[in-house]
N, C-alpha and C. Protein backbone atom coordinates (compact mmCIF):
# COMPACT_ATOMS: atom_id res chain seq x y z
N MET A 1 -18.35 -43.99 -26.67
CA MET A 1 -18.07 -43.67 -25.29
C MET A 1 -18.41 -42.21 -24.99
N ALA A 2 -18.10 -41.31 -25.94
CA ALA A 2 -18.43 -39.89 -25.77
C ALA A 2 -19.94 -39.71 -25.70
N GLN A 3 -20.68 -40.52 -26.46
CA GLN A 3 -22.14 -40.47 -26.45
C GLN A 3 -22.66 -40.82 -25.06
N LYS A 4 -22.07 -41.84 -24.44
CA LYS A 4 -22.46 -42.26 -23.10
C LYS A 4 -22.25 -41.14 -22.09
N LYS A 5 -21.09 -40.47 -22.22
CA LYS A 5 -20.76 -39.39 -21.30
C LYS A 5 -21.73 -38.22 -21.47
N ASP A 6 -22.04 -37.89 -22.74
CA ASP A 6 -23.00 -36.81 -23.01
C ASP A 6 -24.36 -37.13 -22.42
N ASN A 7 -24.82 -38.35 -22.60
CA ASN A 7 -26.12 -38.76 -22.06
C ASN A 7 -26.12 -38.66 -20.53
N ARG A 8 -25.01 -39.05 -19.92
CA ARG A 8 -24.91 -39.00 -18.46
C ARG A 8 -24.97 -37.57 -17.96
N LEU A 9 -24.26 -36.65 -18.66
CA LEU A 9 -24.29 -35.23 -18.29
C LEU A 9 -25.71 -34.66 -18.41
N ILE A 10 -26.41 -35.01 -19.47
CA ILE A 10 -27.79 -34.53 -19.68
C ILE A 10 -28.68 -35.00 -18.54
N GLU A 11 -28.54 -36.26 -18.15
CA GLU A 11 -29.35 -36.81 -17.06
C GLU A 11 -29.04 -36.13 -15.74
N LEU A 12 -27.74 -35.91 -15.45
CA LEU A 12 -27.36 -35.23 -14.21
C LEU A 12 -27.94 -33.82 -14.15
N ARG A 13 -27.86 -33.09 -15.26
CA ARG A 13 -28.40 -31.73 -15.29
C ARG A 13 -29.91 -31.73 -15.05
N LYS A 14 -30.61 -32.70 -15.65
CA LYS A 14 -32.06 -32.80 -15.46
C LYS A 14 -32.38 -33.07 -13.99
N GLU A 15 -31.61 -33.97 -13.36
CA GLU A 15 -31.83 -34.29 -11.95
C GLU A 15 -31.63 -33.07 -11.07
N ILE A 16 -30.54 -32.32 -11.33
CA ILE A 16 -30.24 -31.14 -10.52
C ILE A 16 -31.34 -30.09 -10.70
N VAL A 17 -31.77 -29.86 -11.93
CA VAL A 17 -32.83 -28.88 -12.19
C VAL A 17 -34.12 -29.28 -11.49
N SER A 18 -34.44 -30.58 -11.49
CA SER A 18 -35.68 -31.04 -10.84
C SER A 18 -35.62 -30.87 -9.33
N LEU A 19 -34.42 -30.87 -8.75
CA LEU A 19 -34.27 -30.70 -7.30
C LEU A 19 -34.28 -29.24 -6.88
N LEU A 20 -34.04 -28.33 -7.78
CA LEU A 20 -33.93 -26.91 -7.44
C LEU A 20 -35.21 -26.36 -6.82
N ASP A 21 -36.37 -26.84 -7.22
CA ASP A 21 -37.63 -26.35 -6.68
C ASP A 21 -37.76 -26.66 -5.20
N GLN A 22 -37.05 -27.64 -4.70
CA GLN A 22 -37.17 -28.06 -3.30
C GLN A 22 -36.15 -27.38 -2.38
N ILE A 23 -35.28 -26.52 -2.93
CA ILE A 23 -34.22 -25.90 -2.13
C ILE A 23 -34.59 -24.45 -1.85
N ASN A 24 -34.39 -24.03 -0.56
CA ASN A 24 -34.70 -22.66 -0.17
C ASN A 24 -33.64 -21.68 -0.71
N GLU A 25 -33.89 -20.40 -0.49
CA GLU A 25 -33.03 -19.35 -1.04
C GLU A 25 -31.58 -19.48 -0.56
N GLU A 26 -31.40 -19.75 0.73
CA GLU A 26 -30.06 -19.89 1.29
C GLU A 26 -29.31 -21.06 0.62
N GLY A 27 -30.00 -22.16 0.42
CA GLY A 27 -29.40 -23.32 -0.23
C GLY A 27 -29.05 -23.02 -1.68
N LEU A 28 -29.93 -22.27 -2.37
CA LEU A 28 -29.66 -21.90 -3.76
C LEU A 28 -28.45 -20.97 -3.87
N LEU A 29 -28.31 -20.03 -2.92
CA LEU A 29 -27.13 -19.16 -2.91
C LEU A 29 -25.85 -19.99 -2.69
N PHE A 30 -25.94 -20.96 -1.81
CA PHE A 30 -24.79 -21.85 -1.57
C PHE A 30 -24.44 -22.64 -2.83
N LEU A 31 -25.47 -23.20 -3.49
CA LEU A 31 -25.22 -23.96 -4.73
C LEU A 31 -24.62 -23.07 -5.81
N LYS A 32 -25.12 -21.84 -5.90
CA LYS A 32 -24.59 -20.90 -6.89
C LYS A 32 -23.11 -20.63 -6.61
N GLN A 33 -22.77 -20.43 -5.33
CA GLN A 33 -21.38 -20.18 -4.95
C GLN A 33 -20.51 -21.40 -5.27
N GLN A 34 -21.02 -22.59 -4.98
CA GLN A 34 -20.27 -23.81 -5.27
C GLN A 34 -20.08 -23.98 -6.78
N ALA A 35 -21.12 -23.69 -7.55
CA ALA A 35 -21.01 -23.81 -9.01
C ALA A 35 -19.97 -22.82 -9.55
N SER A 36 -19.99 -21.60 -9.02
CA SER A 36 -19.01 -20.59 -9.45
C SER A 36 -17.59 -21.04 -9.10
N THR A 37 -17.42 -21.64 -7.92
CA THR A 37 -16.10 -22.13 -7.49
C THR A 37 -15.63 -23.26 -8.41
N ILE A 38 -16.50 -24.17 -8.73
CA ILE A 38 -16.16 -25.28 -9.63
C ILE A 38 -15.75 -24.75 -11.00
N ILE A 39 -16.51 -23.81 -11.53
CA ILE A 39 -16.19 -23.23 -12.85
C ILE A 39 -14.85 -22.51 -12.80
N TYR A 40 -14.64 -21.74 -11.72
CA TYR A 40 -13.37 -21.02 -11.56
C TYR A 40 -12.20 -22.01 -11.51
N ASN A 41 -12.32 -23.05 -10.68
CA ASN A 41 -11.25 -24.05 -10.55
C ASN A 41 -10.96 -24.74 -11.88
N ASP A 42 -12.01 -25.08 -12.62
CA ASP A 42 -11.81 -25.70 -13.93
C ASP A 42 -11.07 -24.76 -14.88
N THR A 43 -11.42 -23.48 -14.83
CA THR A 43 -10.77 -22.50 -15.68
C THR A 43 -9.29 -22.36 -15.32
N VAL A 44 -9.00 -22.29 -14.01
CA VAL A 44 -7.61 -22.18 -13.56
C VAL A 44 -6.82 -23.42 -13.94
N GLU A 45 -7.40 -24.60 -13.78
CA GLU A 45 -6.72 -25.83 -14.16
C GLU A 45 -6.41 -25.85 -15.65
N GLU A 46 -7.35 -25.40 -16.46
CA GLU A 46 -7.13 -25.36 -17.91
C GLU A 46 -6.00 -24.37 -18.25
N MET A 47 -6.00 -23.21 -17.59
CA MET A 47 -4.95 -22.23 -17.83
C MET A 47 -3.59 -22.78 -17.40
N ASN A 48 -3.54 -23.45 -16.25
CA ASN A 48 -2.29 -24.05 -15.78
C ASN A 48 -1.79 -25.11 -16.75
N ARG A 49 -2.70 -25.92 -17.24
CA ARG A 49 -2.33 -26.96 -18.20
C ARG A 49 -1.75 -26.33 -19.46
N ASN A 50 -2.39 -25.28 -19.95
CA ASN A 50 -1.90 -24.58 -21.14
C ASN A 50 -0.53 -23.94 -20.88
N ASN A 51 -0.37 -23.37 -19.67
CA ASN A 51 0.92 -22.77 -19.32
C ASN A 51 2.02 -23.82 -19.26
N ARG A 52 1.72 -24.98 -18.66
CA ARG A 52 2.72 -26.05 -18.59
C ARG A 52 3.11 -26.51 -19.99
N GLU A 53 2.13 -26.68 -20.85
CA GLU A 53 2.41 -27.10 -22.23
C GLU A 53 3.27 -26.05 -22.93
N SER A 54 2.92 -24.78 -22.72
CA SER A 54 3.67 -23.70 -23.34
C SER A 54 5.10 -23.65 -22.80
N LEU A 55 5.26 -23.82 -21.47
CA LEU A 55 6.59 -23.84 -20.87
C LEU A 55 7.42 -25.00 -21.41
N LEU A 56 6.79 -26.17 -21.56
CA LEU A 56 7.50 -27.33 -22.11
C LEU A 56 7.95 -27.05 -23.55
N GLU A 57 7.06 -26.45 -24.34
CA GLU A 57 7.41 -26.13 -25.72
C GLU A 57 8.56 -25.12 -25.75
N ASN A 58 8.47 -24.10 -24.87
CA ASN A 58 9.54 -23.09 -24.82
C ASN A 58 10.86 -23.71 -24.38
N GLU A 59 10.82 -24.58 -23.37
CA GLU A 59 12.04 -25.22 -22.89
C GLU A 59 12.65 -26.10 -23.97
N THR A 60 11.81 -26.85 -24.68
CA THR A 60 12.30 -27.69 -25.76
C THR A 60 12.93 -26.83 -26.86
N ALA A 61 12.26 -25.73 -27.20
CA ALA A 61 12.80 -24.84 -28.23
C ALA A 61 14.11 -24.21 -27.76
N LYS A 62 14.20 -23.83 -26.48
CA LYS A 62 15.42 -23.24 -25.93
C LYS A 62 16.55 -24.25 -25.95
N GLN A 63 16.28 -25.50 -25.56
CA GLN A 63 17.32 -26.53 -25.57
C GLN A 63 17.82 -26.78 -26.98
N THR A 64 16.90 -26.82 -27.93
CA THR A 64 17.29 -27.01 -29.33
C THR A 64 18.14 -25.83 -29.79
N SER A 65 17.72 -24.62 -29.43
CA SER A 65 18.46 -23.42 -29.81
C SER A 65 19.85 -23.42 -29.17
N ASP A 66 19.92 -23.80 -27.88
CA ASP A 66 21.21 -23.86 -27.19
C ASP A 66 22.14 -24.87 -27.85
N ARG A 67 21.60 -26.04 -28.20
CA ARG A 67 22.43 -27.06 -28.86
C ARG A 67 22.94 -26.55 -30.21
N ASN A 68 22.06 -25.89 -30.97
CA ASN A 68 22.47 -25.36 -32.27
C ASN A 68 23.53 -24.26 -32.10
N ARG A 69 23.34 -23.40 -31.10
CA ARG A 69 24.29 -22.32 -30.85
C ARG A 69 25.66 -22.90 -30.45
N LEU A 70 25.64 -23.94 -29.60
CA LEU A 70 26.90 -24.58 -29.21
C LEU A 70 27.60 -25.20 -30.40
N LYS A 71 26.83 -25.87 -31.27
CA LYS A 71 27.43 -26.47 -32.46
C LYS A 71 28.05 -25.39 -33.34
N GLN A 72 27.31 -24.29 -33.52
CA GLN A 72 27.81 -23.22 -34.37
C GLN A 72 29.03 -22.56 -33.75
N SER A 73 28.99 -22.32 -32.43
CA SER A 73 30.10 -21.63 -31.80
C SER A 73 31.34 -22.51 -31.78
N SER A 74 31.16 -23.82 -31.59
CA SER A 74 32.34 -24.69 -31.60
C SER A 74 32.93 -24.79 -33.00
N ARG A 75 32.08 -24.70 -34.01
CA ARG A 75 32.60 -24.70 -35.38
C ARG A 75 33.23 -23.35 -35.71
N ALA A 76 32.62 -22.27 -35.24
CA ALA A 76 33.08 -20.94 -35.58
C ALA A 76 34.39 -20.61 -34.86
N GLN A 77 34.60 -21.15 -33.66
CA GLN A 77 35.79 -20.83 -32.91
C GLN A 77 36.91 -21.79 -33.27
N GLU A 78 37.85 -21.27 -33.98
CA GLU A 78 39.04 -22.02 -34.36
C GLU A 78 40.24 -21.21 -33.91
N PHE A 79 41.35 -21.88 -33.71
CA PHE A 79 42.58 -21.18 -33.38
C PHE A 79 43.12 -20.49 -34.63
N SER A 80 43.75 -19.37 -34.42
CA SER A 80 44.45 -18.69 -35.50
C SER A 80 45.66 -17.97 -34.90
N LEU A 81 46.58 -17.64 -35.75
CA LEU A 81 47.76 -16.89 -35.34
C LEU A 81 47.69 -15.49 -35.91
N ASP A 82 47.91 -14.51 -35.07
CA ASP A 82 48.03 -13.14 -35.52
C ASP A 82 49.52 -12.82 -35.52
N LEU A 83 50.10 -12.76 -36.70
CA LEU A 83 51.55 -12.56 -36.84
C LEU A 83 51.90 -11.11 -37.13
N SER A 84 50.99 -10.18 -36.85
CA SER A 84 51.25 -8.78 -37.17
C SER A 84 52.45 -8.22 -36.38
N GLY A 85 52.81 -8.84 -35.28
CA GLY A 85 53.98 -8.37 -34.52
C GLY A 85 55.21 -9.22 -34.76
N GLU A 86 55.20 -10.01 -35.80
CA GLU A 86 56.31 -10.94 -36.07
C GLU A 86 57.66 -10.21 -36.19
N ASN A 87 57.67 -9.06 -36.87
CA ASN A 87 58.94 -8.33 -37.01
C ASN A 87 59.40 -7.71 -35.69
N LYS A 88 58.53 -7.69 -34.70
CA LYS A 88 58.89 -7.19 -33.36
C LYS A 88 59.15 -8.36 -32.40
N GLY A 89 59.02 -9.60 -32.91
CA GLY A 89 59.37 -10.75 -32.11
C GLY A 89 58.24 -11.38 -31.31
N TYR A 90 57.00 -11.12 -31.72
CA TYR A 90 55.89 -11.75 -31.00
C TYR A 90 54.76 -12.09 -31.95
N ALA A 91 53.84 -12.90 -31.44
CA ALA A 91 52.61 -13.26 -32.16
C ALA A 91 51.52 -13.46 -31.12
N ASN A 92 50.30 -13.50 -31.59
CA ASN A 92 49.16 -13.76 -30.71
C ASN A 92 48.46 -15.02 -31.18
N ILE A 93 48.14 -15.88 -30.22
CA ILE A 93 47.28 -17.02 -30.52
C ILE A 93 45.87 -16.57 -30.20
N VAL A 94 44.98 -16.69 -31.18
CA VAL A 94 43.62 -16.18 -31.05
C VAL A 94 42.65 -17.36 -31.07
N TYR A 95 41.74 -17.33 -30.10
CA TYR A 95 40.66 -18.33 -30.06
C TYR A 95 39.41 -17.60 -29.62
N GLY A 96 38.44 -17.49 -30.52
CA GLY A 96 37.24 -16.71 -30.20
C GLY A 96 37.64 -15.26 -30.00
N ARG A 97 37.30 -14.73 -28.83
CA ARG A 97 37.64 -13.34 -28.52
C ARG A 97 38.91 -13.23 -27.67
N ILE A 98 39.53 -14.34 -27.38
CA ILE A 98 40.70 -14.34 -26.50
C ILE A 98 41.98 -14.33 -27.34
N ARG A 99 42.83 -13.36 -27.04
CA ARG A 99 44.12 -13.23 -27.71
C ARG A 99 45.19 -13.33 -26.64
N VAL A 100 46.14 -14.25 -26.85
CA VAL A 100 47.22 -14.40 -25.88
C VAL A 100 48.54 -14.15 -26.59
N PHE A 101 49.31 -13.22 -26.03
CA PHE A 101 50.59 -12.78 -26.56
C PHE A 101 51.65 -13.85 -26.28
N PHE A 102 52.46 -14.18 -27.30
CA PHE A 102 53.57 -15.12 -27.14
C PHE A 102 54.80 -14.56 -27.84
N PRO A 103 55.93 -14.52 -27.17
CA PRO A 103 57.18 -14.25 -27.88
C PRO A 103 57.40 -15.38 -28.90
N LEU A 104 58.05 -15.07 -29.99
CA LEU A 104 58.20 -16.06 -31.06
C LEU A 104 58.97 -17.30 -30.62
N ASP A 105 59.94 -17.15 -29.70
CA ASP A 105 60.68 -18.33 -29.25
C ASP A 105 59.77 -19.29 -28.48
N GLU A 106 58.82 -18.76 -27.70
CA GLU A 106 57.87 -19.62 -27.00
C GLU A 106 56.92 -20.29 -27.99
N LEU A 107 56.49 -19.53 -28.97
CA LEU A 107 55.60 -20.09 -29.99
C LEU A 107 56.32 -21.21 -30.76
N GLU A 108 57.57 -21.02 -31.07
CA GLU A 108 58.35 -22.05 -31.75
C GLU A 108 58.48 -23.30 -30.88
N SER A 109 58.65 -23.12 -29.58
CA SER A 109 58.73 -24.27 -28.66
C SER A 109 57.43 -25.05 -28.67
N MET A 110 56.33 -24.33 -28.66
CA MET A 110 55.01 -24.99 -28.68
C MET A 110 54.80 -25.76 -29.98
N ILE A 111 55.19 -25.16 -31.09
CA ILE A 111 55.05 -25.83 -32.39
C ILE A 111 55.92 -27.07 -32.43
N TYR A 112 57.14 -26.95 -31.91
CA TYR A 112 58.05 -28.10 -31.87
C TYR A 112 57.43 -29.24 -31.06
N ILE A 113 56.89 -28.93 -29.89
CA ILE A 113 56.25 -29.96 -29.05
C ILE A 113 55.09 -30.60 -29.79
N ALA A 114 54.24 -29.78 -30.39
CA ALA A 114 53.05 -30.28 -31.07
C ALA A 114 53.42 -31.19 -32.24
N LYS A 115 54.42 -30.79 -33.01
CA LYS A 115 54.82 -31.61 -34.18
C LYS A 115 55.53 -32.88 -33.76
N LYS A 116 56.46 -32.76 -32.84
CA LYS A 116 57.25 -33.92 -32.42
C LYS A 116 56.38 -34.95 -31.70
N ALA A 117 55.53 -34.49 -30.80
CA ALA A 117 54.72 -35.40 -29.99
C ALA A 117 53.51 -35.93 -30.74
N SER A 118 53.11 -35.28 -31.83
CA SER A 118 51.91 -35.73 -32.54
C SER A 118 52.10 -37.13 -33.10
N ARG A 119 53.34 -37.50 -33.39
CA ARG A 119 53.61 -38.85 -33.89
C ARG A 119 53.32 -39.90 -32.82
N ALA A 120 53.59 -39.55 -31.56
CA ALA A 120 53.36 -40.49 -30.45
C ALA A 120 51.94 -40.34 -29.89
N GLY A 121 51.20 -39.32 -30.31
CA GLY A 121 49.84 -39.11 -29.83
C GLY A 121 49.76 -38.43 -28.49
N ASP A 122 50.90 -37.87 -28.02
CA ASP A 122 50.94 -37.22 -26.72
C ASP A 122 51.01 -35.71 -26.81
N SER A 123 50.76 -35.15 -27.96
CA SER A 123 50.99 -33.72 -28.15
C SER A 123 50.14 -32.87 -27.20
N GLY A 124 48.90 -33.23 -26.99
CA GLY A 124 48.04 -32.45 -26.10
C GLY A 124 48.57 -32.45 -24.68
N LEU A 125 48.93 -33.61 -24.17
CA LEU A 125 49.43 -33.73 -22.81
C LEU A 125 50.75 -32.97 -22.64
N LEU A 126 51.66 -33.16 -23.57
CA LEU A 126 52.95 -32.46 -23.46
C LEU A 126 52.80 -30.95 -23.59
N LEU A 127 51.91 -30.53 -24.47
CA LEU A 127 51.66 -29.10 -24.62
C LEU A 127 51.04 -28.53 -23.35
N TYR A 128 50.11 -29.27 -22.75
CA TYR A 128 49.50 -28.83 -21.48
C TYR A 128 50.58 -28.68 -20.40
N ARG A 129 51.47 -29.66 -20.29
CA ARG A 129 52.54 -29.59 -19.27
C ARG A 129 53.43 -28.38 -19.50
N TRP A 130 53.78 -28.14 -20.77
CA TRP A 130 54.62 -27.00 -21.08
C TRP A 130 53.90 -25.69 -20.71
N LEU A 131 52.65 -25.58 -21.11
CA LEU A 131 51.88 -24.37 -20.80
C LEU A 131 51.73 -24.17 -19.29
N LYS A 132 51.51 -25.24 -18.58
CA LYS A 132 51.34 -25.15 -17.12
C LYS A 132 52.62 -24.62 -16.48
N LYS A 133 53.76 -25.09 -16.97
CA LYS A 133 55.05 -24.69 -16.41
C LYS A 133 55.45 -23.28 -16.85
N GLU A 134 55.31 -23.01 -18.16
CA GLU A 134 55.84 -21.77 -18.73
C GLU A 134 54.82 -20.64 -18.87
N ARG A 135 53.56 -21.00 -19.22
CA ARG A 135 52.57 -19.98 -19.55
C ARG A 135 51.21 -20.29 -18.95
N GLY A 136 51.16 -20.34 -17.64
CA GLY A 136 49.90 -20.60 -16.94
C GLY A 136 48.81 -19.59 -17.28
N ASP A 137 49.22 -18.40 -17.71
CA ASP A 137 48.23 -17.38 -18.07
C ASP A 137 47.34 -17.84 -19.22
N PHE A 138 47.92 -18.59 -20.15
CA PHE A 138 47.13 -19.11 -21.27
C PHE A 138 46.03 -20.03 -20.74
N LEU A 139 46.39 -20.91 -19.81
CA LEU A 139 45.41 -21.84 -19.25
C LEU A 139 44.32 -21.08 -18.50
N VAL A 140 44.72 -20.08 -17.73
CA VAL A 140 43.74 -19.29 -16.97
C VAL A 140 42.80 -18.55 -17.90
N GLU A 141 43.35 -17.92 -18.94
CA GLU A 141 42.52 -17.18 -19.90
C GLU A 141 41.44 -18.04 -20.53
N HIS A 142 41.75 -19.31 -20.74
CA HIS A 142 40.82 -20.22 -21.40
C HIS A 142 40.05 -21.11 -20.42
N GLY A 143 40.24 -20.88 -19.13
CA GLY A 143 39.50 -21.62 -18.12
C GLY A 143 39.89 -23.09 -18.04
N ILE A 144 41.12 -23.41 -18.36
CA ILE A 144 41.58 -24.79 -18.35
C ILE A 144 42.24 -25.06 -17.00
N THR A 145 41.73 -26.06 -16.29
CA THR A 145 42.26 -26.36 -14.96
C THR A 145 42.96 -27.70 -14.89
N ALA A 146 42.78 -28.54 -15.89
CA ALA A 146 43.38 -29.88 -15.85
C ALA A 146 43.42 -30.45 -17.27
N TYR A 147 44.18 -31.51 -17.38
CA TYR A 147 44.21 -32.26 -18.63
C TYR A 147 43.63 -33.62 -18.34
N PRO A 148 42.83 -34.20 -19.23
CA PRO A 148 42.61 -33.87 -20.63
C PRO A 148 41.70 -32.65 -20.82
N SER A 149 42.02 -31.93 -21.87
CA SER A 149 41.27 -30.75 -22.25
C SER A 149 41.09 -30.73 -23.76
N PRO A 150 39.86 -30.77 -24.23
CA PRO A 150 39.63 -30.73 -25.68
C PRO A 150 40.26 -29.50 -26.34
N LEU A 151 40.28 -28.38 -25.60
CA LEU A 151 40.83 -27.16 -26.17
C LEU A 151 42.35 -27.28 -26.37
N ILE A 152 43.04 -27.89 -25.42
CA ILE A 152 44.48 -28.09 -25.56
C ILE A 152 44.76 -29.06 -26.71
N ASP A 153 43.97 -30.10 -26.81
CA ASP A 153 44.14 -31.04 -27.92
C ASP A 153 43.93 -30.34 -29.26
N LYS A 154 42.93 -29.48 -29.30
CA LYS A 154 42.65 -28.72 -30.51
C LYS A 154 43.82 -27.80 -30.86
N LEU A 155 44.39 -27.16 -29.83
CA LEU A 155 45.55 -26.29 -30.03
C LEU A 155 46.74 -27.10 -30.54
N ALA A 156 46.95 -28.28 -29.96
CA ALA A 156 48.07 -29.13 -30.40
C ALA A 156 47.93 -29.51 -31.87
N VAL A 157 46.74 -29.85 -32.28
CA VAL A 157 46.51 -30.19 -33.69
C VAL A 157 46.78 -28.97 -34.56
N PHE A 158 46.28 -27.81 -34.13
CA PHE A 158 46.49 -26.58 -34.89
C PHE A 158 47.98 -26.26 -35.05
N LEU A 159 48.72 -26.31 -33.94
CA LEU A 159 50.15 -25.99 -34.00
C LEU A 159 50.94 -27.06 -34.74
N GLY A 160 50.49 -28.31 -34.65
CA GLY A 160 51.18 -29.40 -35.32
C GLY A 160 51.08 -29.32 -36.83
N LYS A 161 50.06 -28.64 -37.32
CA LYS A 161 49.90 -28.49 -38.78
C LYS A 161 50.77 -27.35 -39.32
N GLY A 162 51.09 -26.40 -38.43
CA GLY A 162 51.79 -25.19 -38.86
C GLY A 162 53.20 -25.36 -39.23
C-alpha cells in the first residue's frame, strides 16, 4: 500500500512539473505562496500533534505521581500521641503536621468511647459526636464537616488500641 502511495506522489509531482511551463509569473508566485502555506500548515500540525502527545504523557505521568504521593502520604500519616505534657495534665494528638492539645481527662474520655464502642462497631460515629459536641476545633483543624469520615474512623481505631 505504501508503494502505491509513493507511486501516486511521483506521478502527481511529474504532472505539476509538466504544467509549470504553461503558467505565467503571477501564477507561479501564487503557486509558490500556496506551497509555502501548505508546508507551514503541515509543520504546525505536526508540532501540535507532538505537543498533544507530550501533554498526554506529562498528564499521565503527573496522575501516576499524584496517586503514588497520595498512597505514600496516607501511609506516612498516622496518628500519634505526644505525651510530653502528661505531668502537666495534657497531651497532643498528632496527625501529619497538625497537633491538637487535649487535657488528659478529655483524652481519657475519647479512649473510653473508642474502646467501649469498638465492640459494637460504632466507635467512629460516637467519637465524631463527642468531638462535635466537646471539641469542634479538632474537626475544624482536620477539615471534617460530617460523618462518616475515614479520618475519625482511623482515630477511633488508634485510640481503641491504646
